[in-house]
Amino acid sequence: MNIPEDLRYSSDHEWARVEGANVRIGITDFAQDNLGDVVFVQLPEVGLDVEVNGSFSEVESTKSVSDIYAPIAGKVVEVNAELEATPELLNRDPYGEGWICMIAAADLSQVDALLDAAAYRALITD
């Protein structure tokens, strides 16, 4: 299971990467593996205000439909439009081309409250 050391993680299996004042968000390798083949991604609207742990997106796979939850509060400033035509990017490259959105953080210190790689690894192996 791929768990990059430079990311932070939510207990709902989203990852967060700080990029200046913004935070790039996606789902973890563990999440995409459990979902199975992703066939559709409902992207959030640019400009959407999101709250911590609030649902802002949906991923549909051959197994189920799953909500995606915001690991931080803020405003969606960019979405990965490539996922509309190629949702399987979530399976192929969840930490790269399969990112979901970029959020302008209301408070960047919220990222510090997320799990580091070691804590996330412990969460998914228990």
C-alpha atoms as a PDB file:
ATOM      1  CA  MET A   1       0.000   0.000   0.000  1.00  0.00           C
ATOM      2  CA  ASN A   2       1.439   3.337  -1.081  1.00  0.00           C
ATOM      3  CA  ILE A   3       1.378   5.954   1.732  1.00  0.00           C
ATOM      4  CA  PRO A   4       3.609   8.925   0.807  1.00  0.00           C
ATOM      5  CA  GLU A   5       5.450  10.392   3.792  1.00  0.00           C
ATOM      6  CA  ASP A   6       4.997  14.014   2.635  1.00  0.00           C
ATOM      7  CA  LEU A   7       1.181  14.012   2.795  1.00  0.00           C
ATOM      8  CA  ARG A   8      -1.344  14.304   5.619  1.00  0.00           C
ATOM      9  CA  TYR A   9      -4.357  11.991   5.855  1.00  0.00           C
ATOM     10  CA  SER A  10      -7.907  11.980   7.196  1.00  0.00           C
ATOM     11  CA  SER A  11      -9.502   9.014   8.922  1.00  0.00           C
ATOM     12  CA  ASP A  12     -11.982   9.043   6.003  1.00  0.00           C
ATOM     13  CA  HIS A  13      -9.099   8.177   3.602  1.00  0.00           C
ATOM     14  CA  GLU A  14      -8.509  11.531   1.944  1.00  0.00           C
ATOM     15  CA  TRP A  15      -5.011  12.963   1.551  1.00  0.00           C
ATOM     16  CA  ALA A  16      -3.915  16.597   1.717  1.00  0.00           C
ATOM     17  CA  ARG A  17      -0.832  18.293   0.260  1.00  0.00           C
ATOM     18  CA  VAL A  18      -0.096  21.922   1.198  1.00  0.00           C
ATOM     19  CA  GLU A  19       0.844  24.027  -1.833  1.00  0.00           C
ATOM     20  CA  GLY A  20       1.344  27.605  -0.655  1.00  0.00           C
ATOM     21  CA  ALA A  21      -1.948  28.881   0.793  1.00  0.00           C
ATOM     22  CA  ASN A  22      -3.880  26.075  -0.922  1.00  0.00           C
ATOM     23  CA  VAL A  23      -4.293  22.396  -0.189  1.00  0.00           C
ATOM     24  CA  ARG A  24      -4.584  19.743  -2.911  1.00  0.00           C
ATOM     25  CA  ILE A  25      -7.029  16.959  -1.963  1.00  0.00           C
ATOM     26  CA  GLY A  26      -7.490  13.401  -3.196  1.00  0.00           C
ATOM     27  CA  ILE A  27      -8.306   9.911  -1.988  1.00  0.00           C
ATOM     28  CA  THR A  28      -5.704   7.486  -0.731  1.00  0.00           C
ATOM     29  CA  ASP A  29      -4.373   4.367  -2.401  1.00  0.00           C
ATOM     30  CA  PHE A  30      -6.169   2.384   0.316  1.00  0.00           C
ATOM     31  CA  ALA A  31      -9.482   4.095  -0.543  1.00  0.00           C
ATOM     32  CA  GLN A  32      -9.204   3.570  -4.288  1.00  0.00           C
ATOM     33  CA  ASP A  33      -8.226  -0.064  -3.760  1.00  0.00           C
ATOM     34  CA  ASN A  34     -11.307  -0.665  -1.590  1.00  0.00           C
ATOM     35  CA  LEU A  35     -13.568   1.140  -4.048  1.00  0.00           C
ATOM     36  CA  GLY A  36     -12.537  -0.980  -7.012  1.00  0.00           C
ATOM     37  CA  ASP A  37     -12.701   0.378 -10.547  1.00  0.00           C
ATOM     38  CA  VAL A  38     -13.797   4.035 -10.439  1.00  0.00           C
ATOM     39  CA  VAL A  39     -16.317   4.821 -13.194  1.00  0.00           C
ATOM     40  CA  PHE A  40     -17.537   8.329 -12.268  1.00  0.00           C
ATOM     41  CA  VAL A  41     -16.395  11.272 -10.149  1.00  0.00           C
ATOM     42  CA  GLN A  42     -18.777  14.061  -9.164  1.00  0.00           C
ATOM     43  CA  LEU A  43     -16.461  17.033  -8.812  1.00  0.00           C
ATOM     44  CA  PRO A  44     -17.253  19.896  -6.445  1.00  0.00           C
ATOM     45  CA  GLU A  45     -18.103  23.303  -7.917  1.00  0.00           C
ATOM     46  CA  VAL A  46     -15.325  25.895  -7.996  1.00  0.00           C
ATOM     47  CA  GLY A  47     -16.271  28.495  -5.394  1.00  0.00           C
ATOM     48  CA  LEU A  48     -17.936  25.966  -3.077  1.00  0.00           C
ATOM     49  CA  ASP A  49     -17.298  26.631   0.615  1.00  0.00           C
ATOM     50  CA  VAL A  50     -16.443  23.397   2.406  1.00  0.00           C
ATOM     51  CA  GLU A  51     -16.397  22.574   6.110  1.00  0.00           C
ATOM     52  CA  VAL A  52     -14.116  20.094   7.840  1.00  0.00           C
ATOM     53  CA  ASN A  53     -15.581  16.597   7.394  1.00  0.00           C
ATOM     54  CA  GLY A  54     -18.307  17.936   5.105  1.00  0.00           C
ATOM     55  CA  SER A  55     -19.109  15.903   1.993  1.00  0.00           C
ATOM     56  CA  PHE A  56     -18.084  17.781  -1.150  1.00  0.00           C
ATOM     57  CA  SER A  57     -17.725  15.110  -3.850  1.00  0.00           C
ATOM     58  CA  GLU A  58     -18.818  11.591  -4.773  1.00  0.00           C
ATOM     59  CA  VAL A  59     -16.944   8.724  -6.346  1.00  0.00           C
ATOM     60  CA  GLU A  60     -18.829   5.916  -8.053  1.00  0.00           C
ATOM     61  CA  SER A  61     -17.126   2.591  -8.604  1.00  0.00           C
ATOM     62  CA  THR A  62     -18.146  -0.834  -9.817  1.00  0.00           C
ATOM     63  CA  LYS A  63     -18.715  -1.713  -6.129  1.00  0.00           C
ATOM     64  CA  SER A  64     -20.354   1.357  -4.564  1.00  0.00           C
ATOM     65  CA  VAL A  65     -20.879   5.107  -4.371  1.00  0.00           C
ATOM     66  CA  SER A  66     -18.796   6.895  -1.738  1.00  0.00           C
ATOM     67  CA  ASP A  67     -18.849  10.437  -0.416  1.00  0.00           C
ATOM     68  CA  ILE A  68     -15.573  12.345  -0.298  1.00  0.00           C
ATOM     69  CA  TYR A  69     -15.118  14.521   2.785  1.00  0.00           C
ATOM     70  CA  ALA A  70     -13.139  17.724   3.144  1.00  0.00           C
ATOM     71  CA  PRO A  71     -10.177  17.240   5.498  1.00  0.00           C
ATOM     72  CA  ILE A  72      -9.971  21.042   5.949  1.00  0.00           C
ATOM     73  CA  ALA A  73     -12.312  24.029   5.683  1.00  0.00           C
ATOM     74  CA  GLY A  74     -12.049  26.537   2.870  1.00  0.00           C
ATOM     75  CA  LYS A  75     -13.152  27.345  -0.664  1.00  0.00           C
ATOM     76  CA  VAL A  76     -12.725  25.095  -3.708  1.00  0.00           C
ATOM     77  CA  VAL A  77     -10.512  27.065  -6.112  1.00  0.00           C
ATOM     78  CA  GLU A  78      -9.710  24.374  -8.679  1.00  0.00           C
ATOM     79  CA  VAL A  79     -10.997  20.947  -9.708  1.00  0.00           C
ATOM     80  CA  ASN A  80      -9.350  18.177 -11.700  1.00  0.00           C
ATOM     81  CA  ALA A  81     -11.515  18.287 -14.843  1.00  0.00           C
ATOM     82  CA  GLU A  82      -9.516  15.348 -16.274  1.00  0.00           C
ATOM     83  CA  LEU A  83     -11.505  13.080 -13.931  1.00  0.00           C
ATOM     84  CA  GLU A  84     -14.717  13.778 -15.859  1.00  0.00           C
ATOM     85  CA  ALA A  85     -13.410  11.976 -18.950  1.00  0.00           C
ATOM     86  CA  THR A  86     -10.915   9.703 -17.196  1.00  0.00           C
ATOM     87  CA  PRO A  87     -12.226   8.782 -13.714  1.00  0.00           C
ATOM     88  CA  GLU A  88      -9.888   5.778 -13.608  1.00  0.00           C
ATOM     89  CA  LEU A  89      -7.030   8.222 -12.856  1.00  0.00           C
ATOM     90  CA  LEU A  90      -8.147   7.802  -9.228  1.00  0.00           C
ATOM     91  CA  ASN A  91      -7.171   4.143  -9.481  1.00  0.00           C
ATOM     92  CA  ARG A  92      -4.038   4.578 -11.583  1.00  0.00           C
ATOM     93  CA  ASP A  93      -2.444   7.550  -9.828  1.00  0.00           C
ATOM     94  CA  PRO A  94      -4.339   8.592  -6.673  1.00  0.00           C
ATOM     95  CA  TYR A  95      -1.513  10.843  -5.406  1.00  0.00           C
ATOM     96  CA  GLY A  96      -0.664  12.428  -8.759  1.00  0.00           C
ATOM     97  CA  GLU A  97      -2.953  12.819 -11.770  1.00  0.00           C
ATOM     98  CA  GLY A  98      -5.912  11.488  -9.741  1.00  0.00           C
ATOM     99  CA  TRP A  99      -6.220  14.481  -7.378  1.00  0.00           C
ATOM    100  CA  ILE A 100      -9.773  15.783  -6.922  1.00  0.00           C
ATOM    101  CA  CYS A 101      -9.607  19.476  -6.036  1.00  0.00           C
ATOM    102  CA  MET A 102      -7.622  22.361  -4.609  1.00  0.00           C
ATOM    103  CA  ILE A 103      -8.971  24.189  -1.562  1.00  0.00           C
ATOM    104  CA  ALA A 104      -7.958  27.677  -0.441  1.00  0.00           C
ATOM    105  CA  ALA A 105      -7.576  26.893   3.244  1.00  0.00           C
ATOM    106  CA  ALA A 106      -9.555  28.943   5.745  1.00  0.00           C
ATOM    107  CA  ASP A 107      -6.909  27.950   8.325  1.00  0.00           C
ATOM    108  CA  LEU A 108      -3.791  26.081   7.183  1.00  0.00           C
ATOM    109  CA  SER A 109      -3.127  24.894  10.742  1.00  0.00           C
ATOM    110  CA  GLN A 110      -6.030  22.437  10.247  1.00  0.00           C
ATOM    111  CA  VAL A 111      -3.624  20.354   8.150  1.00  0.00           C
ATOM    112  CA  ASP A 112      -1.523  19.795  11.276  1.00  0.00           C
ATOM    113  CA  ALA A 113      -4.495  18.050  12.907  1.00  0.00           C
ATOM    114  CA  LEU A 114      -4.554  15.412  10.159  1.00  0.00           C
ATOM    115  CA  LEU A 115      -2.749  12.086  10.434  1.00  0.00           C
ATOM    116  CA  ASP A 116       0.857  11.752   9.336  1.00  0.00           C
ATOM    117  CA  ALA A 117       1.889   8.749   7.226  1.00  0.00           C
ATOM    118  CA  ALA A 118       2.773   6.581  10.250  1.00  0.00           C
ATOM    119  CA  ALA A 119      -0.554   7.271  11.977  1.00  0.00           C
ATOM    120  CA  TYR A 120      -2.503   6.624   8.761  1.00  0.00           C
ATOM    121  CA  ARG A 121      -0.603   3.378   8.211  1.00  0.00           C
ATOM    122  CA  ALA A 122      -1.559   2.313  11.754  1.00  0.00           C
ATOM    123  CA  LEU A 123      -5.207   3.234  11.082  1.00  0.00           C
ATOM    124  CA  ILE A 124      -5.529   1.041   8.002  1.00  0.00           C
ATOM    125  CA  THR A 125      -3.623  -1.940   9.390  1.00  0.00           C
ATOM    126  CA  ASP A 126      -5.613  -2.246  12.634  1.00  0.00           C
END
